Protein backbone atom coordinates (compact mmCIF):
# COMPACT_ATOMS: atom_id res chain seq x y z
CA MET A 1 -22.13 7.94 5.46
CA SER A 2 -20.20 5.56 3.20
CA SER A 3 -18.99 2.26 4.63
CA GLY A 4 -15.53 0.77 4.36
CA GLU A 5 -14.47 -1.88 1.88
CA PHE A 6 -15.10 -4.87 4.12
CA GLU A 7 -18.47 -3.51 5.29
CA PHE A 8 -19.51 -3.21 1.65
CA ILE A 9 -18.40 -6.78 0.94
CA GLN A 10 -20.38 -7.99 3.97
CA THR A 11 -23.47 -6.22 2.63
CA LEU A 12 -23.05 -8.09 -0.65
CA ALA A 13 -22.49 -11.35 1.25
CA ASN A 14 -25.84 -10.96 2.98
CA PHE A 15 -27.64 -11.85 -0.26
CA ALA A 16 -24.82 -13.83 -1.92
CA ASN A 17 -25.15 -16.35 0.93
CA LYS A 18 -28.25 -17.69 -0.80
CA HIS A 19 -25.89 -19.46 -3.21
CA PRO A 20 -23.50 -21.92 -1.49
CA GLN A 21 -21.00 -21.62 -4.36
CA SER A 22 -20.22 -18.07 -3.18
CA LEU A 23 -18.81 -19.37 0.15
CA GLY A 24 -20.35 -16.26 1.68
CA LEU A 25 -17.81 -14.09 -0.18
CA GLN A 26 -15.37 -14.95 2.63
CA ASP A 27 -12.76 -16.73 0.53
CA ASP A 28 -10.44 -15.93 -2.36
CA GLY A 29 -12.85 -17.42 -4.89
CA ALA A 30 -16.01 -19.42 -5.52
CA ILE A 31 -16.28 -23.19 -5.97
CA ILE A 32 -18.46 -24.54 -8.77
CA SER A 33 -19.14 -28.21 -9.45
CA CYS A 34 -18.56 -29.27 -13.06
CA GLY A 35 -19.35 -32.94 -13.53
CA ASP A 36 -17.01 -34.89 -11.27
CA ARG A 37 -14.62 -31.96 -10.97
CA LYS A 38 -14.71 -28.81 -8.87
CA LEU A 39 -13.75 -25.45 -10.38
CA VAL A 40 -12.40 -22.51 -8.40
CA VAL A 41 -13.20 -19.13 -9.98
CA VAL A 42 -11.51 -15.91 -8.86
CA LYS A 43 -11.54 -12.31 -10.06
CA ASP A 44 -9.21 -9.45 -9.15
CA LEU A 45 -8.29 -6.21 -10.89
CA VAL A 46 -5.10 -4.18 -10.95
CA GLN A 47 -5.12 -0.45 -11.65
CA ALA A 48 -2.24 1.91 -12.35
CA GLY A 49 -1.75 4.29 -9.44
CA VAL A 50 -3.47 1.94 -6.97
CA HIS A 51 -1.99 -1.55 -7.29
CA ALA A 52 0.82 -0.49 -9.61
CA LEU A 53 2.80 2.71 -10.10
CA ASP A 54 1.44 5.49 -12.29
CA HIS A 55 4.37 5.13 -14.68
CA ASP A 56 4.35 1.33 -14.85
CA THR A 57 3.89 -0.01 -18.38
CA ASP A 58 0.86 -1.92 -19.61
CA ILE A 59 3.06 -5.02 -19.56
CA ASP A 60 3.93 -4.48 -15.87
CA ILE A 61 0.26 -4.05 -14.97
CA VAL A 62 -0.97 -7.06 -16.95
CA ARG A 63 1.77 -9.31 -15.56
CA LYS A 64 0.89 -8.34 -12.01
CA ALA A 65 -2.82 -8.84 -12.65
CA ILE A 66 -2.27 -12.35 -13.96
CA ARG A 67 -0.07 -13.29 -11.03
CA VAL A 68 -2.29 -11.96 -8.24
CA ASN A 69 -5.24 -13.90 -9.65
CA LEU A 70 -3.19 -17.09 -9.87
CA SER A 71 -2.18 -16.45 -6.25
CA ASP A 72 -5.86 -16.44 -5.26
CA LEU A 73 -6.26 -19.86 -6.88
CA ALA A 74 -3.16 -21.11 -5.06
CA ALA A 75 -4.62 -19.87 -1.77
CA MET A 76 -7.52 -22.31 -2.19
CA GLY A 77 -5.34 -25.22 -3.28
CA ALA A 78 -6.40 -25.03 -6.94
CA ARG A 79 -4.38 -25.69 -10.07
CA PRO A 80 -4.77 -22.79 -12.56
CA GLU A 81 -6.15 -23.68 -15.99
CA PHE A 82 -7.81 -20.70 -17.71
CA LEU A 83 -7.76 -16.89 -17.85
CA LEU A 84 -10.22 -14.33 -19.14
CA LEU A 85 -8.52 -10.96 -19.55
CA ALA A 86 -10.20 -7.53 -19.71
CA ILE A 87 -8.15 -4.36 -20.18
CA CYS A 88 -9.20 -0.70 -20.07
CA PHE A 89 -6.29 1.13 -21.71
CA ASN A 90 -5.27 4.68 -20.88
CA GLU A 91 -3.57 5.06 -24.27
CA ILE A 92 -3.01 2.98 -27.39
CA PRO A 93 -0.72 0.07 -26.41
CA ASN A 94 2.15 -1.53 -28.24
CA SER A 95 -0.03 -4.49 -29.20
CA LYS A 96 2.71 -6.86 -30.30
CA LEU A 97 4.85 -6.41 -27.21
CA LEU A 98 1.87 -6.68 -24.87
CA ALA A 99 0.54 -9.79 -26.59
CA ALA A 100 3.98 -11.40 -26.39
CA ALA A 101 4.17 -10.64 -22.66
CA ILE A 102 0.72 -12.16 -22.06
CA GLU A 103 1.69 -15.26 -24.03
CA SER A 104 4.88 -15.56 -21.99
CA GLU A 105 2.96 -15.38 -18.70
CA CYS A 106 0.50 -18.03 -19.89
CA LYS A 107 3.36 -20.35 -20.84
CA GLU A 108 5.23 -19.77 -17.58
CA PHE A 109 2.22 -20.70 -15.47
CA ASN A 110 0.71 -23.23 -17.87
CA VAL A 111 -2.66 -21.49 -18.26
CA ALA A 112 -4.79 -20.90 -21.36
CA LEU A 113 -6.21 -17.52 -22.33
CA ILE A 114 -9.83 -18.24 -23.36
CA GLY A 115 -11.49 -14.82 -23.65
CA GLY A 116 -11.85 -11.26 -22.44
CA ASP A 117 -12.40 -7.71 -23.64
CA THR A 118 -10.49 -4.49 -24.38
CA VAL A 119 -11.64 -0.87 -24.28
CA MET A 120 -10.03 2.57 -24.38
CA GLY A 121 -10.91 4.60 -21.29
CA LYS A 122 -10.33 8.04 -19.80
CA GLY A 123 -8.87 6.84 -16.51
CA PRO A 124 -5.72 4.93 -15.55
CA THR A 125 -4.99 1.60 -17.20
CA THR A 126 -7.01 -1.10 -15.44
CA VAL A 127 -6.75 -4.86 -15.90
CA CYS A 128 -9.45 -7.23 -14.67
CA ILE A 129 -8.94 -10.98 -14.80
CA THR A 130 -11.13 -13.98 -14.17
CA ALA A 131 -8.98 -17.02 -13.42
CA ILE A 132 -10.31 -20.58 -13.28
CA GLY A 133 -8.63 -23.58 -11.75
CA TYR A 134 -9.37 -27.16 -10.78
CA LEU A 135 -9.18 -28.76 -7.37
CA ALA A 136 -7.14 -31.97 -7.33
CA GLY A 137 -7.95 -32.43 -3.64
CA PRO A 138 -10.10 -30.72 -1.02
CA ALA A 139 -10.53 -26.94 -1.19
CA ILE A 140 -8.67 -24.96 1.45
CA LEU A 141 -10.94 -22.29 2.93
CA ARG A 142 -10.31 -19.54 5.45
CA SER A 143 -12.79 -21.07 7.88
CA GLY A 144 -11.07 -24.34 8.79
CA ALA A 145 -8.43 -23.30 11.36
CA MET A 146 -8.71 -25.16 14.67
CA VAL A 147 -7.38 -24.48 18.16
CA GLY A 148 -3.92 -26.01 18.51
CA ASP A 149 -3.04 -25.64 14.82
CA ASP A 150 0.33 -24.23 13.85
CA ILE A 151 0.46 -21.00 11.83
CA TRP A 152 2.80 -21.02 8.82
CA VAL A 153 3.83 -18.59 6.09
CA SER A 154 5.69 -19.14 2.84
CA GLY A 155 8.68 -17.19 1.51
CA ALA A 156 9.65 -13.87 3.04
CA LEU A 157 7.53 -10.93 4.23
CA GLY A 158 7.96 -7.22 3.70
CA ASP A 159 9.86 -7.34 0.39
CA ALA A 160 7.04 -6.00 -1.77
CA ALA A 161 6.31 -3.05 0.50
CA LEU A 162 10.02 -2.24 0.67
CA GLY A 163 10.23 -2.61 -3.11
CA LEU A 164 7.42 -0.10 -3.49
CA ARG A 165 9.21 2.28 -1.12
CA LEU A 166 12.35 1.88 -3.22
CA LEU A 167 10.52 2.51 -6.51
CA GLN A 168 8.87 5.63 -5.08
CA SER A 169 12.14 7.04 -3.73
CA ASN A 170 14.86 9.04 -5.38
CA GLU A 171 17.17 6.69 -7.27
CA ASN A 172 20.12 7.83 -5.15
CA SER A 173 18.25 7.90 -1.84
CA SER A 174 20.64 7.45 1.08
CA GLU A 175 18.16 5.04 2.63
CA PHE A 176 19.04 2.39 0.02
CA LEU A 177 22.75 3.08 -0.51
CA THR A 178 23.69 -0.09 1.37
CA LEU A 179 21.81 -2.24 -1.18
CA ASN A 180 23.50 -3.31 -4.41
CA ALA A 181 21.87 -3.37 -7.84
CA VAL A 182 20.87 -7.04 -7.58
CA GLU A 183 19.18 -6.49 -4.21
CA LYS A 184 17.32 -3.42 -5.48
CA SER A 185 16.16 -5.30 -8.56
CA TYR A 186 14.96 -8.18 -6.38
CA LEU A 187 12.90 -5.89 -4.14
CA SER A 188 11.40 -4.00 -7.08
CA SER A 189 10.37 -7.21 -8.81
CA ARG A 190 8.74 -8.50 -5.63
CA TYR A 191 6.36 -5.56 -5.81
CA ARG A 192 5.84 -5.45 -9.56
CA TRP A 193 5.66 -9.17 -10.38
CA PRO A 194 4.77 -11.35 -7.37
CA GLU A 195 5.36 -15.09 -7.55
CA PRO A 196 2.13 -17.07 -7.05
CA ARG A 197 2.83 -20.12 -4.88
CA ILE A 198 0.89 -22.50 -7.12
CA ALA A 199 2.78 -25.74 -6.47
CA LEU A 200 2.77 -25.11 -2.73
CA GLY A 201 -0.94 -24.30 -2.61
CA GLU A 202 -1.86 -27.48 -4.45
CA ALA A 203 0.47 -29.61 -2.33
CA LEU A 204 -1.14 -28.31 0.87
CA GLY A 205 -4.53 -29.74 -0.08
CA GLY A 206 -5.60 -32.06 2.73
CA ILE A 207 -2.85 -30.66 4.99
CA ALA A 208 -3.64 -26.96 5.49
CA THR A 209 -6.78 -26.41 7.56
CA ALA A 210 -7.15 -22.77 6.46
CA MET A 211 -5.24 -20.57 4.03
CA ILE A 212 -5.10 -17.10 2.47
CA ASP A 213 -2.60 -15.24 0.30
CA ILE A 214 -1.11 -12.10 1.81
CA SER A 215 -2.23 -9.20 -0.36
CA ASP A 216 -3.27 -6.58 2.21
CA GLY A 217 -0.63 -7.26 4.87
CA LEU A 218 -0.02 -10.05 7.37
CA LYS A 219 -2.11 -8.51 10.16
CA ALA A 220 -5.07 -7.73 7.92
CA ASP A 221 -5.10 -11.09 6.15
CA ALA A 222 -4.49 -13.14 9.31
CA SER A 223 -7.54 -11.41 10.76
CA HIS A 224 -9.65 -12.81 7.89
CA ILE A 225 -8.73 -16.36 8.92
CA SER A 226 -9.31 -15.48 12.57
CA LYS A 227 -12.78 -14.10 11.82
CA SER A 228 -13.83 -16.84 9.39
CA SER A 229 -12.61 -19.65 11.65
CA ASN A 230 -13.78 -17.98 14.87
CA ILE A 231 -10.41 -18.52 16.52
CA ALA A 232 -7.53 -16.49 17.97
CA MET A 233 -4.05 -16.29 16.51
CA LYS A 234 -0.82 -15.82 18.44
CA ILE A 235 2.13 -14.83 16.22
CA ASP A 236 5.78 -14.41 17.23
CA VAL A 237 7.26 -11.43 15.35
CA ASN A 238 10.77 -12.80 15.89
CA LEU A 239 9.85 -15.74 13.65
CA LEU A 240 8.55 -13.71 10.71
CA PRO A 241 10.76 -14.61 7.71
CA LYS A 242 12.68 -11.81 6.01
CA SER A 243 14.91 -11.89 2.95
CA ALA A 244 18.60 -11.08 3.03
CA ALA A 245 17.93 -7.80 1.19
CA PHE A 246 15.27 -6.78 3.70
CA ARG A 247 17.48 -7.63 6.67
CA LYS A 248 20.38 -5.71 5.16
CA TRP A 249 18.17 -2.64 4.72
CA ALA A 250 16.59 -2.97 8.19
CA ASP A 251 20.01 -3.19 9.85
CA LYS A 252 20.90 0.28 8.56
CA THR A 253 17.63 2.16 8.86
CA THR A 254 17.16 4.52 11.81
CA GLU A 255 13.41 4.82 11.31
CA LEU A 256 11.74 3.31 14.38
CA GLY A 257 8.75 1.15 13.56
CA MET A 258 9.55 1.00 9.86
CA GLU A 259 10.24 -2.71 10.08
CA TYR A 260 6.69 -3.40 11.20
CA SER A 261 4.99 -1.09 8.74
CA VAL A 262 6.87 -2.75 5.89
CA LEU A 263 6.20 -6.28 7.12
CA PHE A 264 2.49 -5.60 7.25
CA GLY A 265 2.39 -3.50 4.08
CA GLY A 266 0.97 -6.17 1.75
CA ASP A 267 1.59 -7.20 -1.87
CA ASP A 268 3.84 -10.13 -0.90
CA TYR A 269 1.33 -12.75 -2.09
CA GLU A 270 2.85 -15.36 0.17
CA LEU A 271 0.60 -18.09 1.57
CA LEU A 272 -0.46 -17.84 5.21
CA PHE A 273 -1.94 -21.10 6.45
CA THR A 274 -2.76 -23.19 9.49
CA ALA A 275 -2.19 -26.91 9.94
CA ASN A 276 -2.32 -29.56 12.64
CA CYS A 277 0.89 -29.69 14.67
CA THR A 278 1.25 -33.40 13.80
CA ASP A 279 1.86 -32.42 10.15
CA ARG A 280 5.08 -30.46 10.72
CA GLU A 281 7.32 -33.09 9.14
CA GLU A 282 5.05 -33.41 6.09
CA ILE A 283 4.95 -29.63 5.66
CA MET A 284 8.74 -29.43 5.65
CA SER A 285 8.78 -32.24 3.09
CA ILE A 286 6.35 -30.22 0.93
CA SER A 287 8.67 -27.22 1.30
CA ALA A 288 11.58 -29.27 -0.03
CA ARG A 289 9.56 -30.75 -2.91
CA THR A 290 8.17 -27.41 -4.08
CA GLY A 291 11.36 -25.43 -3.50
CA CYS A 292 9.46 -22.87 -1.43
CA SER A 293 10.59 -22.00 2.08
CA ILE A 294 7.95 -22.28 4.81
CA THR A 295 8.24 -20.86 8.33
CA ARG A 296 6.18 -21.67 11.42
CA ILE A 297 5.29 -18.34 13.04
CA GLY A 298 2.66 -19.03 15.68
CA GLN A 299 -0.26 -21.04 16.95
CA VAL A 300 -4.06 -20.97 16.86
CA LYS A 301 -5.64 -20.31 20.26
CA PRO A 302 -9.19 -20.26 21.63
CA GLY A 303 -10.90 -16.88 21.51
CA LYS A 304 -11.37 -14.18 18.91
CA TYR A 305 -8.27 -12.03 19.25
CA MET A 306 -5.08 -11.78 17.24
CA LYS A 307 -1.91 -10.94 19.13
CA PHE A 308 1.73 -10.46 18.18
CA PHE A 309 4.54 -11.24 20.62
CA ARG A 310 8.27 -10.66 20.84
CA GLU A 311 10.16 -12.75 23.41
CA GLY A 312 6.97 -13.34 25.37
CA THR A 313 5.90 -9.68 25.47
CA GLU A 314 2.88 -8.56 23.48
CA VAL A 315 3.62 -6.08 20.70
CA LYS A 316 0.88 -3.49 20.26
CA LEU A 317 0.15 -2.77 16.62
CA SER A 318 -2.25 -0.33 15.01
CA ASP A 319 -4.88 -1.52 12.53
CA VAL A 320 -2.56 -1.54 9.55
CA GLY A 321 -3.26 -3.22 6.25
CA PHE A 322 -4.43 -2.03 2.86
CA THR A 323 -8.08 -1.33 2.07
CA HIS A 324 -9.52 0.35 -1.04
CA PHE A 325 -11.85 2.73 0.81
C-alpha cells in the first residue's frame, strides 16, 4: 500500500535527520553555514495541470515557480539572493519572451540567476527551482511556537483558491457576475502569480517564534506548526482576513460551506506566524513599514489539537488542504 505525501516525507526525514542542516525536513528549507553567514536553501517545483492550469503559458508557470520558492525563503526570514532554474518543456518555447520574463522576475525581486538546466519532455511543462537566500537575523522555524503566543497571518486568505475557481469556470458564469473586470483580474493573478512576502519575512526575524507560508491551505499549514512546535492552536474564523473581492463574491453565493473550502484551499502564499503577545505593537509597526497588512487570528494553547471557533462555538472542519498523493 502506498503512503501519503507527508508519510513519504517523514520516511525521508528518518535518515535525513543525521544531518542537522536538513532541520529534519520539517521546515521550508535547509540552513547551511557559509563562513560567518548562514544560507537558506529551498527547492519547489511547479507543473502545468497540478500547480498551474493546463493552458497556462510557460511564462505563467515559470513566474509562479520563482515566486513560490521566494515565498519559502521569506517563511524562514531569509533575504533571497540566487536562483537555479530547471525547466522540462512540453513544446518548444518562445525563447526570447520567456527569457525576458525570467529577467523581469529577477529584477523585481533582486535575485541573480546563477545556473540551471533545460530539457524537452513528453509530459506537462515542469519548472523546478533552487532558491538561495541569506539570513540577516535568526532563522524562523516551524518549531518555535510557545503557549500564550499570538497567531498572525499576512494579507488576505482565500483569493487564490477563488481565482482558480474563476479561471476554471465559464467566462460568463453567473457565480461571478457581481465581480467587475478589475476584481476578476485581481483574483486570477493571486492564483497565477503569488506575491512572496519577502520584506515582511525578513523583518519578522527575532520577532516571530514560528512561521510558514500558506501553500496547502490554512488548516493544513497551521497543523505543521502545531506538530513541529508540539502545541495547540485556537483560531477565530471571524478574524480571518478576506479581500474586498472575496467578500463581494461570498455575499452573493448561495453555496453553503464554500467560504470555508475556499479559505482553506491553498496557494495564497501568505505568512502564518506566531509571536509573543508583548510584541503586538512592534508587529503592527512592521506591517506599516513593509506595507503588508497583518491580522491577529488566534492564540497558541497547551495541547496538541487545532481548533477553529466562531463567536465562541467550535467549528468542525474536515481534513482539507492540498496534498500531492
